[in-house]
Amino acid sequence: MLKCCSLLPPVHTPSSPTNMPIRKATYSDLSQIASILSKAFYNDPLNDYFFPNRKEYPDDYLRDWTHDLMISWWKYDRVFIVSYDDTGVTGTACWARKGTGVRQLWDVSWWDPSE
């Protein structure tokens, strides 16, 4: 277990730990995903370097998470997954396929704006 993660309070405690449905995220989930990730990584030691004023400007910190997620959302090698319950999104994961296989999978390398 990572030491920094053991210091964080749980973001959400599910009512039934055996029942955690997941689904592919939608674009409208990004604000909830950004909120979850900003809370989960708030005390990460690297944030003292990248976001030294996050305590004084919490909206800017959240805005940066949202901005980064919006950029990642349009990368065709990424898949976002969320867990959810009646209150909304409760957890998230982002998977990125590495290597040249992603080009064969989607055949959209001609469209890639990052190249």
N, C-alpha and C. Protein backbone atom coordinates (compact mmCIF):
# COMPACT_ATOMS: atom_id res chain seq x y z
N MET A 1 0.84 -1.18 0.00
CA MET A 1 0.00 0.00 0.00
C MET A 1 0.88 1.24 0.00
N LEU A 2 0.50 2.23 -0.78
CA LEU A 2 1.26 3.46 -0.83
C LEU A 2 1.08 4.23 0.47
N LYS A 3 2.15 4.78 0.96
CA LYS A 3 2.10 5.49 2.23
C LYS A 3 1.19 6.71 2.16
N CYS A 4 1.24 7.47 1.06
CA CYS A 4 0.44 8.69 0.98
C CYS A 4 -1.05 8.35 0.93
N CYS A 5 -1.42 7.23 0.34
CA CYS A 5 -2.83 6.87 0.24
C CYS A 5 -3.40 6.46 1.59
N SER A 6 -2.58 5.92 2.47
CA SER A 6 -3.08 5.48 3.76
C SER A 6 -3.44 6.67 4.65
N LEU A 7 -2.98 7.86 4.33
CA LEU A 7 -3.27 9.04 5.13
C LEU A 7 -4.57 9.73 4.73
N LEU A 8 -5.11 9.35 3.58
CA LEU A 8 -6.28 10.03 3.06
C LEU A 8 -7.56 9.45 3.65
N PRO A 9 -8.53 10.30 3.99
CA PRO A 9 -9.83 9.77 4.39
C PRO A 9 -10.55 9.23 3.16
N PRO A 10 -11.43 8.25 3.33
CA PRO A 10 -12.14 7.73 2.16
C PRO A 10 -13.02 8.81 1.55
N VAL A 11 -13.04 8.86 0.22
CA VAL A 11 -13.87 9.83 -0.48
C VAL A 11 -15.33 9.43 -0.37
N HIS A 12 -15.59 8.13 -0.42
CA HIS A 12 -16.96 7.63 -0.37
C HIS A 12 -16.93 6.24 0.22
N THR A 13 -17.82 5.96 1.10
CA THR A 13 -17.93 4.63 1.67
C THR A 13 -19.19 3.99 1.12
N PRO A 14 -19.05 2.98 0.25
CA PRO A 14 -20.24 2.36 -0.32
C PRO A 14 -21.06 1.65 0.75
N SER A 15 -22.37 1.63 0.55
CA SER A 15 -23.24 0.98 1.52
C SER A 15 -23.06 -0.53 1.50
N SER A 16 -22.70 -1.07 0.37
CA SER A 16 -22.48 -2.51 0.26
C SER A 16 -21.18 -2.75 -0.49
N PRO A 17 -20.10 -3.12 0.22
CA PRO A 17 -18.80 -3.26 -0.44
C PRO A 17 -18.76 -4.35 -1.50
N THR A 18 -19.73 -5.25 -1.52
CA THR A 18 -19.74 -6.30 -2.53
C THR A 18 -20.46 -5.87 -3.80
N ASN A 19 -21.14 -4.73 -3.77
CA ASN A 19 -21.90 -4.27 -4.91
C ASN A 19 -21.35 -2.94 -5.40
N MET A 20 -20.45 -2.98 -6.37
CA MET A 20 -19.87 -1.76 -6.92
C MET A 20 -19.97 -1.84 -8.44
N PRO A 21 -21.09 -1.39 -9.00
CA PRO A 21 -21.21 -1.45 -10.46
C PRO A 21 -20.24 -0.48 -11.13
N ILE A 22 -19.77 -0.87 -12.29
CA ILE A 22 -18.89 -0.02 -13.08
C ILE A 22 -19.45 0.11 -14.49
N ARG A 23 -19.04 1.17 -15.16
CA ARG A 23 -19.43 1.40 -16.55
C ARG A 23 -18.39 2.30 -17.20
N LYS A 24 -18.44 2.39 -18.51
CA LYS A 24 -17.59 3.35 -19.20
C LYS A 24 -18.09 4.75 -18.86
N ALA A 25 -17.16 5.65 -18.65
CA ALA A 25 -17.51 7.02 -18.31
C ALA A 25 -18.09 7.74 -19.53
N THR A 26 -18.88 8.75 -19.26
CA THR A 26 -19.38 9.63 -20.30
C THR A 26 -18.73 11.00 -20.11
N TYR A 27 -18.81 11.82 -21.13
CA TYR A 27 -18.21 13.14 -21.06
C TYR A 27 -18.81 13.96 -19.90
N SER A 28 -20.08 13.74 -19.63
CA SER A 28 -20.73 14.49 -18.54
C SER A 28 -20.24 14.06 -17.16
N ASP A 29 -19.51 12.95 -17.06
CA ASP A 29 -18.95 12.50 -15.79
C ASP A 29 -17.65 13.23 -15.43
N LEU A 30 -17.07 13.97 -16.35
CA LEU A 30 -15.74 14.53 -16.14
C LEU A 30 -15.65 15.45 -14.91
N SER A 31 -16.67 16.22 -14.64
CA SER A 31 -16.59 17.11 -13.48
C SER A 31 -16.56 16.31 -12.18
N GLN A 32 -17.33 15.23 -12.10
CA GLN A 32 -17.30 14.38 -10.90
C GLN A 32 -15.98 13.63 -10.80
N ILE A 33 -15.44 13.19 -11.94
CA ILE A 33 -14.15 12.50 -11.94
C ILE A 33 -13.05 13.46 -11.47
N ALA A 34 -13.07 14.69 -11.97
CA ALA A 34 -12.08 15.68 -11.55
C ALA A 34 -12.16 15.95 -10.06
N SER A 35 -13.35 16.02 -9.53
CA SER A 35 -13.53 16.25 -8.10
C SER A 35 -12.95 15.08 -7.28
N ILE A 36 -13.22 13.87 -7.70
CA ILE A 36 -12.71 12.68 -7.00
C ILE A 36 -11.19 12.64 -7.05
N LEU A 37 -10.61 12.87 -8.23
CA LEU A 37 -9.15 12.80 -8.36
C LEU A 37 -8.46 13.94 -7.62
N SER A 38 -9.06 15.12 -7.64
CA SER A 38 -8.42 16.24 -6.92
C SER A 38 -8.40 15.98 -5.42
N LYS A 39 -9.44 15.34 -4.90
CA LYS A 39 -9.46 15.00 -3.47
C LYS A 39 -8.50 13.85 -3.16
N ALA A 40 -8.46 12.87 -4.04
CA ALA A 40 -7.62 11.69 -3.80
C ALA A 40 -6.13 12.03 -3.81
N PHE A 41 -5.72 12.96 -4.65
CA PHE A 41 -4.30 13.29 -4.78
C PHE A 41 -3.93 14.62 -4.12
N TYR A 42 -4.84 15.18 -3.35
CA TYR A 42 -4.61 16.50 -2.74
C TYR A 42 -3.35 16.55 -1.89
N ASN A 43 -3.10 15.53 -1.09
CA ASN A 43 -1.94 15.52 -0.19
C ASN A 43 -0.72 14.84 -0.79
N ASP A 44 -0.75 14.53 -2.06
CA ASP A 44 0.41 13.93 -2.72
C ASP A 44 1.60 14.89 -2.61
N PRO A 45 2.76 14.40 -2.21
CA PRO A 45 3.93 15.29 -2.04
C PRO A 45 4.31 16.05 -3.31
N LEU A 46 4.05 15.50 -4.47
CA LEU A 46 4.37 16.22 -5.71
C LEU A 46 3.52 17.47 -5.89
N ASN A 47 2.35 17.49 -5.28
CA ASN A 47 1.50 18.68 -5.40
C ASN A 47 2.11 19.90 -4.73
N ASP A 48 3.00 19.69 -3.78
CA ASP A 48 3.70 20.84 -3.18
C ASP A 48 4.57 21.54 -4.22
N TYR A 49 5.01 20.79 -5.21
CA TYR A 49 5.82 21.36 -6.28
C TYR A 49 4.94 21.90 -7.42
N PHE A 50 3.99 21.07 -7.88
CA PHE A 50 3.17 21.45 -9.03
C PHE A 50 2.06 22.45 -8.67
N PHE A 51 1.49 22.33 -7.48
CA PHE A 51 0.38 23.19 -7.06
C PHE A 51 0.65 23.76 -5.67
N PRO A 52 1.67 24.57 -5.51
CA PRO A 52 2.02 25.06 -4.17
C PRO A 52 0.94 25.93 -3.53
N ASN A 53 0.08 26.54 -4.31
CA ASN A 53 -0.96 27.43 -3.78
C ASN A 53 -2.35 26.82 -3.83
N ARG A 54 -2.43 25.50 -3.86
CA ARG A 54 -3.73 24.85 -4.00
C ARG A 54 -4.64 25.09 -2.80
N LYS A 55 -4.07 25.36 -1.63
CA LYS A 55 -4.90 25.63 -0.45
C LYS A 55 -5.52 27.02 -0.53
N GLU A 56 -4.79 27.97 -1.09
CA GLU A 56 -5.32 29.33 -1.23
C GLU A 56 -6.27 29.46 -2.41
N TYR A 57 -6.05 28.63 -3.44
CA TYR A 57 -6.85 28.70 -4.67
C TYR A 57 -7.38 27.32 -5.05
N PRO A 58 -8.31 26.77 -4.25
CA PRO A 58 -8.80 25.41 -4.52
C PRO A 58 -9.56 25.29 -5.85
N ASP A 59 -10.20 26.37 -6.28
CA ASP A 59 -10.92 26.31 -7.56
C ASP A 59 -9.96 26.15 -8.73
N ASP A 60 -8.80 26.79 -8.64
CA ASP A 60 -7.80 26.65 -9.70
C ASP A 60 -7.24 25.23 -9.75
N TYR A 61 -7.06 24.64 -8.58
CA TYR A 61 -6.57 23.25 -8.50
C TYR A 61 -7.57 22.31 -9.16
N LEU A 62 -8.85 22.46 -8.84
CA LEU A 62 -9.89 21.64 -9.46
C LEU A 62 -10.00 21.91 -10.95
N ARG A 63 -9.86 23.17 -11.35
CA ARG A 63 -9.94 23.53 -12.77
C ARG A 63 -8.81 22.86 -13.57
N ASP A 64 -7.63 22.76 -12.97
CA ASP A 64 -6.52 22.10 -13.65
C ASP A 64 -6.80 20.61 -13.84
N TRP A 65 -7.35 19.96 -12.82
CA TRP A 65 -7.72 18.55 -12.97
C TRP A 65 -8.75 18.39 -14.09
N THR A 66 -9.74 19.27 -14.11
CA THR A 66 -10.77 19.20 -15.14
C THR A 66 -10.16 19.39 -16.52
N HIS A 67 -9.28 20.36 -16.64
CA HIS A 67 -8.62 20.64 -17.92
C HIS A 67 -7.82 19.43 -18.40
N ASP A 68 -7.03 18.84 -17.51
CA ASP A 68 -6.22 17.67 -17.89
C ASP A 68 -7.10 16.49 -18.30
N LEU A 69 -8.22 16.30 -17.62
CA LEU A 69 -9.13 15.22 -17.99
C LEU A 69 -9.78 15.46 -19.34
N MET A 70 -10.13 16.71 -19.62
CA MET A 70 -10.72 17.02 -20.92
C MET A 70 -9.74 16.75 -22.05
N ILE A 71 -8.48 17.00 -21.84
CA ILE A 71 -7.47 16.69 -22.85
C ILE A 71 -7.33 15.18 -23.01
N SER A 72 -7.26 14.47 -21.90
CA SER A 72 -7.11 13.01 -21.96
C SER A 72 -8.33 12.33 -22.56
N TRP A 73 -9.49 12.90 -22.35
CA TRP A 73 -10.74 12.30 -22.84
C TRP A 73 -10.70 12.07 -24.35
N TRP A 74 -10.10 13.00 -25.08
CA TRP A 74 -10.11 12.91 -26.54
C TRP A 74 -8.95 12.11 -27.12
N LYS A 75 -8.11 11.55 -26.29
CA LYS A 75 -7.04 10.68 -26.76
C LYS A 75 -7.61 9.29 -26.97
N TYR A 76 -7.55 8.80 -28.17
CA TYR A 76 -8.25 7.56 -28.51
C TYR A 76 -7.61 6.32 -27.90
N ASP A 77 -6.47 6.44 -27.27
CA ASP A 77 -5.88 5.28 -26.61
C ASP A 77 -6.33 5.17 -25.14
N ARG A 78 -7.20 6.07 -24.69
CA ARG A 78 -7.65 6.09 -23.29
C ARG A 78 -9.07 5.55 -23.16
N VAL A 79 -9.30 4.87 -22.06
CA VAL A 79 -10.64 4.42 -21.69
C VAL A 79 -10.87 4.80 -20.23
N PHE A 80 -11.92 5.53 -19.97
CA PHE A 80 -12.29 5.92 -18.61
C PHE A 80 -13.41 5.02 -18.11
N ILE A 81 -13.25 4.56 -16.88
CA ILE A 81 -14.25 3.71 -16.24
C ILE A 81 -14.62 4.38 -14.92
N VAL A 82 -15.90 4.30 -14.55
CA VAL A 82 -16.34 4.84 -13.27
C VAL A 82 -17.14 3.80 -12.51
N SER A 83 -17.04 3.87 -11.19
CA SER A 83 -17.98 3.15 -10.33
C SER A 83 -19.03 4.18 -9.91
N TYR A 84 -20.21 3.71 -9.59
CA TYR A 84 -21.29 4.66 -9.31
C TYR A 84 -22.31 4.03 -8.36
N ASP A 85 -23.12 4.90 -7.78
CA ASP A 85 -24.28 4.49 -7.01
C ASP A 85 -25.38 5.52 -7.23
N ASP A 86 -26.37 5.54 -6.36
CA ASP A 86 -27.49 6.46 -6.54
C ASP A 86 -27.09 7.93 -6.43
N THR A 87 -25.99 8.22 -5.77
CA THR A 87 -25.57 9.61 -5.60
C THR A 87 -24.71 10.11 -6.75
N GLY A 88 -24.21 9.23 -7.60
CA GLY A 88 -23.37 9.62 -8.73
C GLY A 88 -22.11 8.79 -8.80
N VAL A 89 -21.07 9.37 -9.37
CA VAL A 89 -19.79 8.69 -9.55
C VAL A 89 -19.08 8.58 -8.20
N THR A 90 -18.59 7.37 -7.89
CA THR A 90 -17.92 7.14 -6.60
C THR A 90 -16.45 6.79 -6.75
N GLY A 91 -16.01 6.45 -7.94
CA GLY A 91 -14.61 6.10 -8.18
C GLY A 91 -14.33 6.11 -9.66
N THR A 92 -13.06 6.08 -10.02
CA THR A 92 -12.71 6.17 -11.43
C THR A 92 -11.37 5.49 -11.72
N ALA A 93 -11.20 5.12 -12.97
CA ALA A 93 -9.93 4.59 -13.45
C ALA A 93 -9.77 5.01 -14.90
N CYS A 94 -8.54 5.21 -15.30
CA CYS A 94 -8.25 5.54 -16.70
C CYS A 94 -7.22 4.54 -17.21
N TRP A 95 -7.55 3.87 -18.28
CA TRP A 95 -6.65 2.90 -18.88
C TRP A 95 -6.13 3.47 -20.19
N ALA A 96 -4.84 3.29 -20.42
CA ALA A 96 -4.22 3.78 -21.65
C ALA A 96 -3.47 2.62 -22.30
N ARG A 97 -3.82 2.33 -23.55
CA ARG A 97 -3.12 1.30 -24.28
C ARG A 97 -1.82 1.88 -24.79
N LYS A 98 -0.73 1.17 -24.55
CA LYS A 98 0.58 1.64 -24.97
C LYS A 98 1.07 0.83 -26.18
N GLY A 99 1.99 1.42 -26.90
CA GLY A 99 2.57 0.75 -28.06
C GLY A 99 1.84 1.10 -29.34
N THR A 100 2.21 0.42 -30.42
CA THR A 100 1.65 0.72 -31.73
C THR A 100 0.32 0.02 -31.99
N GLY A 101 -0.06 -0.90 -31.13
CA GLY A 101 -1.31 -1.65 -31.33
C GLY A 101 -2.55 -0.79 -31.35
N VAL A 102 -2.52 0.34 -30.65
CA VAL A 102 -3.70 1.21 -30.61
C VAL A 102 -4.00 1.76 -32.01
N ARG A 103 -3.00 1.99 -32.80
CA ARG A 103 -3.22 2.49 -34.17
C ARG A 103 -3.94 1.45 -35.02
N GLN A 104 -3.59 0.20 -34.82
CA GLN A 104 -4.26 -0.86 -35.57
C GLN A 104 -5.68 -1.09 -35.05
N LEU A 105 -5.85 -0.91 -33.76
CA LEU A 105 -7.16 -1.13 -33.14
C LEU A 105 -8.20 -0.14 -33.67
N TRP A 106 -7.86 1.13 -33.70
CA TRP A 106 -8.83 2.15 -34.09
C TRP A 106 -8.64 2.66 -35.51
N ASP A 107 -7.44 2.51 -36.06
CA ASP A 107 -7.14 2.97 -37.41
C ASP A 107 -7.52 4.45 -37.60
N VAL A 108 -7.11 5.28 -36.65
CA VAL A 108 -7.39 6.71 -36.75
C VAL A 108 -6.11 7.53 -36.61
N SER A 109 -4.97 6.95 -36.92
CA SER A 109 -3.72 7.68 -36.75
C SER A 109 -3.67 8.92 -37.64
N TRP A 110 -4.38 8.92 -38.74
CA TRP A 110 -4.42 10.09 -39.60
C TRP A 110 -5.11 11.28 -38.92
N TRP A 111 -5.94 10.99 -37.91
CA TRP A 111 -6.72 12.02 -37.23
C TRP A 111 -6.02 12.59 -36.01
N ASP A 112 -5.00 11.93 -35.54
CA ASP A 112 -4.36 12.28 -34.27
C ASP A 112 -3.80 13.70 -34.30
N PRO A 113 -4.40 14.63 -33.53
CA PRO A 113 -3.92 16.02 -33.53
C PRO A 113 -2.60 16.22 -32.79
N SER A 114 -2.16 15.21 -32.04
CA SER A 114 -0.91 15.36 -31.29
C SER A 114 0.32 15.10 -32.16
N GLU A 115 0.12 14.68 -33.36
CA GLU A 115 1.28 14.41 -34.24
C GLU A 115 1.47 15.53 -35.24
